[in-house]
C-alpha atoms as a PDB file:
ATOM      1  CA  MET A   1    -242.214 -94.857   0.636  1.00  0.00           C
ATOM      2  CA  ASN A   2    -239.664 -92.069   0.421  1.00  0.00           C
ATOM      3  CA  LEU A   3    -240.475 -88.455   0.940  1.00  0.00           C
ATOM      4  CA  SER A   4    -239.848 -86.120  -2.113  1.00  0.00           C
ATOM      5  CA  VAL A   5    -237.546 -83.191  -1.864  1.00  0.00           C
ATOM      6  CA  VAL A   6    -240.729 -80.803  -1.634  1.00  0.00           C
ATOM      7  CA  GLN A   7    -242.481 -83.083   0.975  1.00  0.00           C
ATOM      8  CA  HIS A   8    -239.477 -83.108   2.874  1.00  0.00           C
ATOM      9  CA  ARG A   9    -238.785 -79.296   2.945  1.00  0.00           C
ATOM     10  CA  ILE A  10    -242.645 -78.744   3.549  1.00  0.00           C
ATOM     11  CA  LEU A  11    -242.539 -81.248   6.674  1.00  0.00           C
ATOM     12  CA  TRP A  12    -239.319 -79.793   7.900  1.00  0.00           C
ATOM     13  CA  VAL A  13    -240.702 -76.120   7.995  1.00  0.00           C
ATOM     14  CA  THR A  14    -243.896 -77.412   9.468  1.00  0.00           C
ATOM     15  CA  ILE A  15    -242.032 -79.103  12.265  1.00  0.00           C
ATOM     16  CA  PHE A  16    -239.654 -76.267  12.779  1.00  0.00           C
ATOM     17  CA  ILE A  17    -242.492 -73.604  13.069  1.00  0.00           C
ATOM     18  CA  GLY A  18    -244.679 -75.919  15.179  1.00  0.00           C
ATOM     19  CA  CYS A  19    -241.895 -76.152  17.607  1.00  0.00           C
ATOM     20  CA  LEU A  20    -241.284 -72.657  17.537  1.00  0.00           C
ATOM     21  CA  LEU A  21    -244.836 -71.339  17.997  1.00  0.00           C
ATOM     22  CA  PRO A  22    -244.937 -71.777  21.968  1.00  0.00           C
ATOM     23  CA  LEU A  23    -242.345 -69.060  22.379  1.00  0.00           C
ATOM     24  CA  PRO A  24    -244.137 -66.181  20.438  1.00  0.00           C
ATOM     25  CA  TYR A  25    -247.316 -67.376  22.012  1.00  0.00           C
ATOM     26  CA  ILE A  26    -246.119 -67.181  25.573  1.00  0.00           C
ATOM     27  CA  LEU A  27    -244.439 -63.881  24.906  1.00  0.00           C
ATOM     28  CA  TYR A  28    -247.564 -62.308  23.670  1.00  0.00           C
ATOM     29  CA  GLN A  29    -249.402 -63.597  26.648  1.00  0.00           C
ATOM     30  CA  GLY A  30    -246.714 -61.971  28.813  1.00  0.00           C
ATOM     31  CA  PHE A  31    -246.815 -58.594  27.043  1.00  0.00           C
ATOM     32  CA  SER A  32    -250.691 -58.726  27.005  1.00  0.00           C
ATOM     33  CA  ASP A  33    -250.613 -59.232  30.830  1.00  0.00           C
ATOM     34  CA  ASN A  34    -252.545 -62.541  30.601  1.00  0.00           C
ATOM     35  CA  LEU A  35    -250.364 -64.691  32.605  1.00  0.00           C
ATOM     36  CA  GLY A  36    -252.374 -64.231  35.792  1.00  0.00           C
ATOM     37  CA  ALA A  37    -251.262 -63.041  39.355  1.00  0.00           C
ATOM     38  CA  GLU A  38    -247.841 -64.751  39.147  1.00  0.00           C
ATOM     39  CA  PRO A  39    -246.624 -64.166  35.490  1.00  0.00           C
ATOM     40  CA  ALA A  40    -243.007 -65.388  36.376  1.00  0.00           C
ATOM     41  CA  LYS A  41    -244.335 -68.740  37.687  1.00  0.00           C
ATOM     42  CA  ALA A  42    -246.694 -69.009  34.691  1.00  0.00           C
ATOM     43  CA  LEU A  43    -243.803 -68.366  32.368  1.00  0.00           C
ATOM     44  CA  VAL A  44    -241.505 -70.870  33.996  1.00  0.00           C
ATOM     45  CA  GLU A  45    -244.225 -73.638  34.034  1.00  0.00           C
ATOM     46  CA  PHE A  46    -245.147 -72.979  30.494  1.00  0.00           C
ATOM     47  CA  LEU A  47    -241.709 -73.390  29.158  1.00  0.00           C
ATOM     48  CA  GLY A  48    -241.085 -76.410  31.243  1.00  0.00           C
ATOM     49  CA  GLU A  49    -244.333 -78.020  30.135  1.00  0.00           C
ATOM     50  CA  THR A  50    -243.368 -77.182  26.512  1.00  0.00           C
ATOM     51  CA  SER A  51    -239.985 -78.832  26.988  1.00  0.00           C
ATOM     52  CA  ILE A  52    -241.429 -81.938  28.277  1.00  0.00           C
ATOM     53  CA  ALA A  53    -243.978 -82.094  25.682  1.00  0.00           C
ATOM     54  CA  LEU A  54    -241.232 -81.978  23.061  1.00  0.00           C
ATOM     55  CA  LEU A  55    -239.079 -84.502  24.947  1.00  0.00           C
ATOM     56  CA  LEU A  56    -241.972 -86.938  24.755  1.00  0.00           C
ATOM     57  CA  ALA A  57    -242.538 -86.289  21.144  1.00  0.00           C
ATOM     58  CA  THR A  58    -238.922 -86.869  20.493  1.00  0.00           C
ATOM     59  CA  LEU A  59    -239.204 -90.333  22.099  1.00  0.00           C
ATOM     60  CA  ALA A  60    -242.178 -91.124  20.025  1.00  0.00           C
ATOM     61  CA  ILE A  61    -240.652 -90.542  16.862  1.00  0.00           C
ATOM     62  CA  THR A  62    -238.981 -93.941  16.622  1.00  0.00           C
ATOM     63  CA  PRO A  63    -241.916 -95.903  17.527  1.00  0.00           C
ATOM     64  CA  LEU A  64    -244.107 -93.878  15.121  1.00  0.00           C
ATOM     65  CA  GLY A  65    -241.606 -94.228  12.395  1.00  0.00           C
ATOM     66  CA  LYS A  66    -241.674 -98.108  12.814  1.00  0.00           C
ATOM     67  CA  ILE A  67    -245.537 -98.094  12.297  1.00  0.00           C
ATOM     68  CA  ARG A  68    -244.916 -95.851   9.358  1.00  0.00           C
ATOM     69  CA  VAL A  69    -247.233 -93.084  10.311  1.00  0.00           C
ATOM     70  CA  ILE A  70    -244.895 -90.591   8.508  1.00  0.00           C
ATOM     71  CA  PRO A  71    -242.154 -92.028   6.276  1.00  0.00           C
ATOM     72  CA  LYS A  72    -238.650 -91.190   7.313  1.00  0.00           C
ATOM     73  CA  LEU A  73    -239.801 -89.438  10.370  1.00  0.00           C
ATOM     74  CA  VAL A  74    -236.768 -90.141  12.296  1.00  0.00           C
ATOM     75  CA  ARG A  75    -234.732 -87.571  10.187  1.00  0.00           C
ATOM     76  CA  TYR A  76    -236.589 -84.762  12.020  1.00  0.00           C
ATOM     77  CA  ARG A  77    -235.782 -86.160  15.540  1.00  0.00           C
ATOM     78  CA  ARG A  78    -232.608 -84.157  16.128  1.00  0.00           C
ATOM     79  CA  MET A  79    -234.423 -80.879  15.313  1.00  0.00           C
ATOM     80  CA  VAL A  80    -237.136 -81.580  17.818  1.00  0.00           C
ATOM     81  CA  GLY A  81    -234.571 -82.714  20.303  1.00  0.00           C
ATOM     82  CA  LEU A  82    -232.753 -79.314  19.982  1.00  0.00           C
ATOM     83  CA  TYR A  83    -236.105 -77.500  20.716  1.00  0.00           C
ATOM     84  CA  VAL A  84    -236.337 -79.720  23.816  1.00  0.00           C
ATOM     85  CA  PHE A  85    -233.022 -78.261  24.998  1.00  0.00           C
ATOM     86  CA  PHE A  86    -233.928 -74.723  23.658  1.00  0.00           C
ATOM     87  CA  TYR A  87    -237.042 -74.557  25.993  1.00  0.00           C
ATOM     88  CA  ALA A  88    -235.273 -76.354  28.799  1.00  0.00           C
ATOM     89  CA  VAL A  89    -232.670 -73.481  28.714  1.00  0.00           C
ATOM     90  CA  LEU A  90    -235.384 -70.845  28.528  1.00  0.00           C
ATOM     91  CA  HIS A  91    -237.270 -72.746  31.569  1.00  0.00           C
ATOM     92  CA  LEU A  92    -234.200 -72.795  33.739  1.00  0.00           C
ATOM     93  CA  ALA A  93    -233.294 -69.258  32.894  1.00  0.00           C
ATOM     94  CA  SER A  94    -236.758 -67.856  33.674  1.00  0.00           C
ATOM     95  CA  TYR A  95    -236.659 -69.823  37.039  1.00  0.00           C
ATOM     96  CA  ALA A  96    -233.156 -68.620  37.984  1.00  0.00           C
ATOM     97  CA  PHE A  97    -233.628 -64.871  37.024  1.00  0.00           C
ATOM     98  CA  LEU A  98    -237.346 -64.190  37.053  1.00  0.00           C
ATOM     99  CA  LEU A  99    -238.838 -66.578  39.730  1.00  0.00           C
ATOM    100  CA  VAL A 100    -236.099 -66.671  42.355  1.00  0.00           C
ATOM    101  CA  ASP A 101    -232.762 -64.600  42.625  1.00  0.00           C
ATOM    102  CA  TRP A 102    -229.433 -66.330  41.706  1.00  0.00           C
ATOM    103  CA  ASP A 103    -228.470 -66.821  45.299  1.00  0.00           C
ATOM    104  CA  ASN A 104    -231.891 -68.766  46.178  1.00  0.00           C
ATOM    105  CA  PHE A 105    -231.384 -70.685  42.854  1.00  0.00           C
ATOM    106  CA  VAL A 106    -228.077 -72.065  43.915  1.00  0.00           C
ATOM    107  CA  GLU A 107    -229.546 -72.981  47.252  1.00  0.00           C
ATOM    108  CA  ASP A 108    -232.365 -74.719  45.561  1.00  0.00           C
ATOM    109  CA  LEU A 109    -229.967 -76.933  43.780  1.00  0.00           C
ATOM    110  CA  TYR A 110    -229.067 -78.897  46.944  1.00  0.00           C
ATOM    111  CA  GLN A 111    -232.046 -78.181  49.137  1.00  0.00           C
ATOM    112  CA  ARG A 112    -234.964 -78.887  46.817  1.00  0.00           C
ATOM    113  CA  ILE A 113    -235.369 -82.546  45.550  1.00  0.00           C
ATOM    114  CA  TYR A 114    -237.415 -81.592  42.656  1.00  0.00           C
ATOM    115  CA  VAL A 115    -234.703 -79.005  41.461  1.00  0.00           C
ATOM    116  CA  MET A 116    -232.052 -81.740  41.691  1.00  0.00           C
ATOM    117  CA  PHE A 117    -233.837 -84.092  39.572  1.00  0.00           C
ATOM    118  CA  GLY A 118    -234.497 -81.140  36.956  1.00  0.00           C
ATOM    119  CA  ALA A 119    -230.859 -80.218  37.146  1.00  0.00           C
ATOM    120  CA  ALA A 120    -229.577 -83.724  36.422  1.00  0.00           C
ATOM    121  CA  ALA A 121    -232.085 -83.922  33.398  1.00  0.00           C
ATOM    122  CA  PHE A 122    -230.846 -80.592  32.160  1.00  0.00           C
ATOM    123  CA  LEU A 123    -227.073 -81.909  32.326  1.00  0.00           C
ATOM    124  CA  ILE A 124    -227.976 -84.963  30.282  1.00  0.00           C
ATOM    125  CA  LEU A 125    -229.779 -82.907  27.643  1.00  0.00           C
ATOM    126  CA  PHE A 126    -226.901 -80.632  27.507  1.00  0.00           C
ATOM    127  CA  ALA A 127    -224.525 -83.574  26.877  1.00  0.00           C
ATOM    128  CA  LEU A 128    -227.007 -84.753  24.157  1.00  0.00           C
ATOM    129  CA  THR A 129    -227.135 -81.423  22.502  1.00  0.00           C
ATOM    130  CA  ILE A 130    -223.334 -80.812  22.126  1.00  0.00           C
ATOM    131  CA  THR A 131    -222.897 -84.247  20.831  1.00  0.00           C
ATOM    132  CA  SER A 132    -225.895 -84.056  18.433  1.00  0.00           C
ATOM    133  CA  PRO A 133    -223.884 -82.880  15.345  1.00  0.00           C
ATOM    134  CA  LYS A 134    -222.977 -85.470  12.654  1.00  0.00           C
ATOM    135  CA  PHE A 135    -219.248 -84.980  13.214  1.00  0.00           C
ATOM    136  CA  MET A 136    -219.629 -86.036  17.195  1.00  0.00           C
ATOM    137  CA  LEU A 137    -221.368 -89.249  15.721  1.00  0.00           C
ATOM    138  CA  ARG A 138    -218.361 -89.966  13.574  1.00  0.00           C
ATOM    139  CA  LYS A 139    -216.036 -89.209  16.459  1.00  0.00           C
ATOM    140  CA  LEU A 140    -217.765 -91.258  19.188  1.00  0.00           C
ATOM    141  CA  GLY A 141    -218.771 -94.163  17.007  1.00  0.00           C
ATOM    142  CA  LYS A 142    -220.611 -96.898  18.986  1.00  0.00           C
ATOM    143  CA  ARG A 143    -220.507 -94.622  22.077  1.00  0.00           C
ATOM    144  CA  TRP A 144    -222.618 -91.965  20.597  1.00  0.00           C
ATOM    145  CA  LYS A 145    -225.775 -94.327  20.313  1.00  0.00           C
ATOM    146  CA  LEU A 146    -225.176 -95.395  23.941  1.00  0.00           C
ATOM    147  CA  LEU A 147    -224.804 -91.788  25.159  1.00  0.00           C
ATOM    148  CA  HIS A 148    -228.019 -90.722  23.282  1.00  0.00           C
ATOM    149  CA  ARG A 149    -229.913 -93.511  24.917  1.00  0.00           C
ATOM    150  CA  CYS A 150    -229.542 -91.588  28.154  1.00  0.00           C
ATOM    151  CA  VAL A 151    -232.398 -89.408  26.814  1.00  0.00           C
ATOM    152  CA  TYR A 152    -234.567 -92.078  28.469  1.00  0.00           C
ATOM    153  CA  PRO A 153    -233.042 -91.617  32.019  1.00  0.00           C
ATOM    154  CA  ALA A 154    -233.416 -87.849  31.278  1.00  0.00           C
ATOM    155  CA  ALA A 155    -237.089 -88.107  30.576  1.00  0.00           C
ATOM    156  CA  ILE A 156    -237.521 -90.260  33.727  1.00  0.00           C
ATOM    157  CA  LEU A 157    -235.716 -87.351  35.818  1.00  0.00           C
ATOM    158  CA  VAL A 158    -238.001 -84.824  34.081  1.00  0.00           C
ATOM    159  CA  VAL A 159    -241.235 -86.823  35.103  1.00  0.00           C
ATOM    160  CA  VAL A 160    -240.010 -87.112  38.660  1.00  0.00           C
ATOM    161  CA  HIS A 161    -239.215 -83.498  38.548  1.00  0.00           C
ATOM    162  CA  VAL A 162    -242.694 -82.599  37.827  1.00  0.00           C
ATOM    163  CA  TRP A 163    -244.348 -85.229  40.194  1.00  0.00           C
ATOM    164  CA  TRP A 164    -242.066 -84.129  43.240  1.00  0.00           C
ATOM    165  CA  GLN A 165    -243.292 -80.382  43.124  1.00  0.00           C
ATOM    166  CA  VAL A 166    -247.098 -81.279  42.733  1.00  0.00           C
ATOM    167  CA  ARG A 167    -249.061 -80.319  45.910  1.00  0.00           C
ATOM    168  CA  SER A 168    -252.711 -81.511  44.962  1.00  0.00           C
ATOM    169  CA  ASP A 169    -253.561 -82.191  41.231  1.00  0.00           C
ATOM    170  CA  TYR A 170    -251.653 -84.885  39.970  1.00  0.00           C
ATOM    171  CA  ALA A 171    -253.351 -85.263  36.651  1.00  0.00           C
ATOM    172  CA  GLU A 172    -250.492 -83.563  34.448  1.00  0.00           C
ATOM    173  CA  ALA A 173    -247.812 -85.510  36.274  1.00  0.00           C
ATOM    174  CA  VAL A 174    -249.835 -88.856  35.678  1.00  0.00           C
ATOM    175  CA  ALA A 175    -250.284 -87.879  31.942  1.00  0.00           C
ATOM    176  CA  TYR A 176    -246.510 -87.479  31.578  1.00  0.00           C
ATOM    177  CA  ALA A 177    -245.730 -90.613  33.358  1.00  0.00           C
ATOM    178  CA  THR A 178    -248.222 -92.686  31.507  1.00  0.00           C
ATOM    179  CA  VAL A 179    -246.966 -91.470  27.980  1.00  0.00           C
ATOM    180  CA  LEU A 180    -243.199 -92.256  29.015  1.00  0.00           C
ATOM    181  CA  PHE A 181    -244.192 -95.552  30.272  1.00  0.00           C
ATOM    182  CA  VAL A 182    -245.805 -96.446  27.053  1.00  0.00           C
ATOM    183  CA  LEU A 183    -242.798 -95.107  25.103  1.00  0.00           C
ATOM    184  CA  LEU A 184    -240.502 -97.148  27.312  1.00  0.00           C
ATOM    185  CA  LEU A 185    -242.437-100.459  26.683  1.00  0.00           C
ATOM    186  CA  PHE A 186    -241.647 -99.874  22.911  1.00  0.00           C
ATOM    187  CA  ARG A 187    -237.934 -99.549  23.669  1.00  0.00           C
ATOM    188  CA  TRP A 188    -237.402-101.720  26.599  1.00  0.00           C
ATOM    189  CA  ARG A 189    -235.338-104.376  24.605  1.00  0.00           C
ATOM    190  CA  VAL A 190    -233.147-101.672  23.220  1.00  0.00           C
ATOM    191  CA  LEU A 191    -232.655-100.043  26.472  1.00  0.00           C
ATOM    192  CA  LEU A 192    -231.796-103.313  28.213  1.00  0.00           C
ATOM    193  CA  LYS A 193    -229.572-104.678  25.413  1.00  0.00           C
ATOM    194  CA  PRO A 194    -226.137-103.555  26.989  1.00  0.00           C
ATOM    195  CA  PHE A 195    -227.302-105.359  30.148  1.00  0.00           C
ATOM    196  CA  LEU A 196    -228.580-108.720  28.700  1.00  0.00           C
ATOM    197  CA  SER A 197    -225.413-108.880  26.419  1.00  0.00           C
ATOM    198  CA  SER A 198    -223.105-108.474  29.306  1.00  0.00           C
ATOM    199  CA  LYS A 199    -224.595-111.689  30.955  1.00  0.00           C
END
């Protein structure tokens, strides 16, 4: 079943606004002084959690499209993926400039393991973002699809990034890991195809 033009526009706007809403929400909470005793930390964590949630949502689009939850859902994957990077940039910037100073941030890159994993995931997301336009798809050809499968290693790095900084309550980290594991089960044949075909 194909979406009509009106249905497509309504769904596009709905997803666009839905992905954008966390930003005005957290800004309102900040200006209303509702971020607790450590507002900078709360902001950094919220932006990171939003980016992770959208990343997992992006990975879920293909499986949901296959079971036809929403027809042609895959056409909105790029938009959600760009929002993932948008919130990742805000997360990184708020950490570097609000939670720590720049010198400490640079030191964290090679002293704190969870920061290393987060930085590696960010670099992958950056590569995926700059190659997301259609002209890059045409330019890279088959290499484009192989590159964009790196979103799965990026998601694994992100989950490890969260897991490594947990001190006591692992519930959130376990939830992310569980969702990612289920999504990887859906895609394991595709992800292993380059290795299987080389044998």
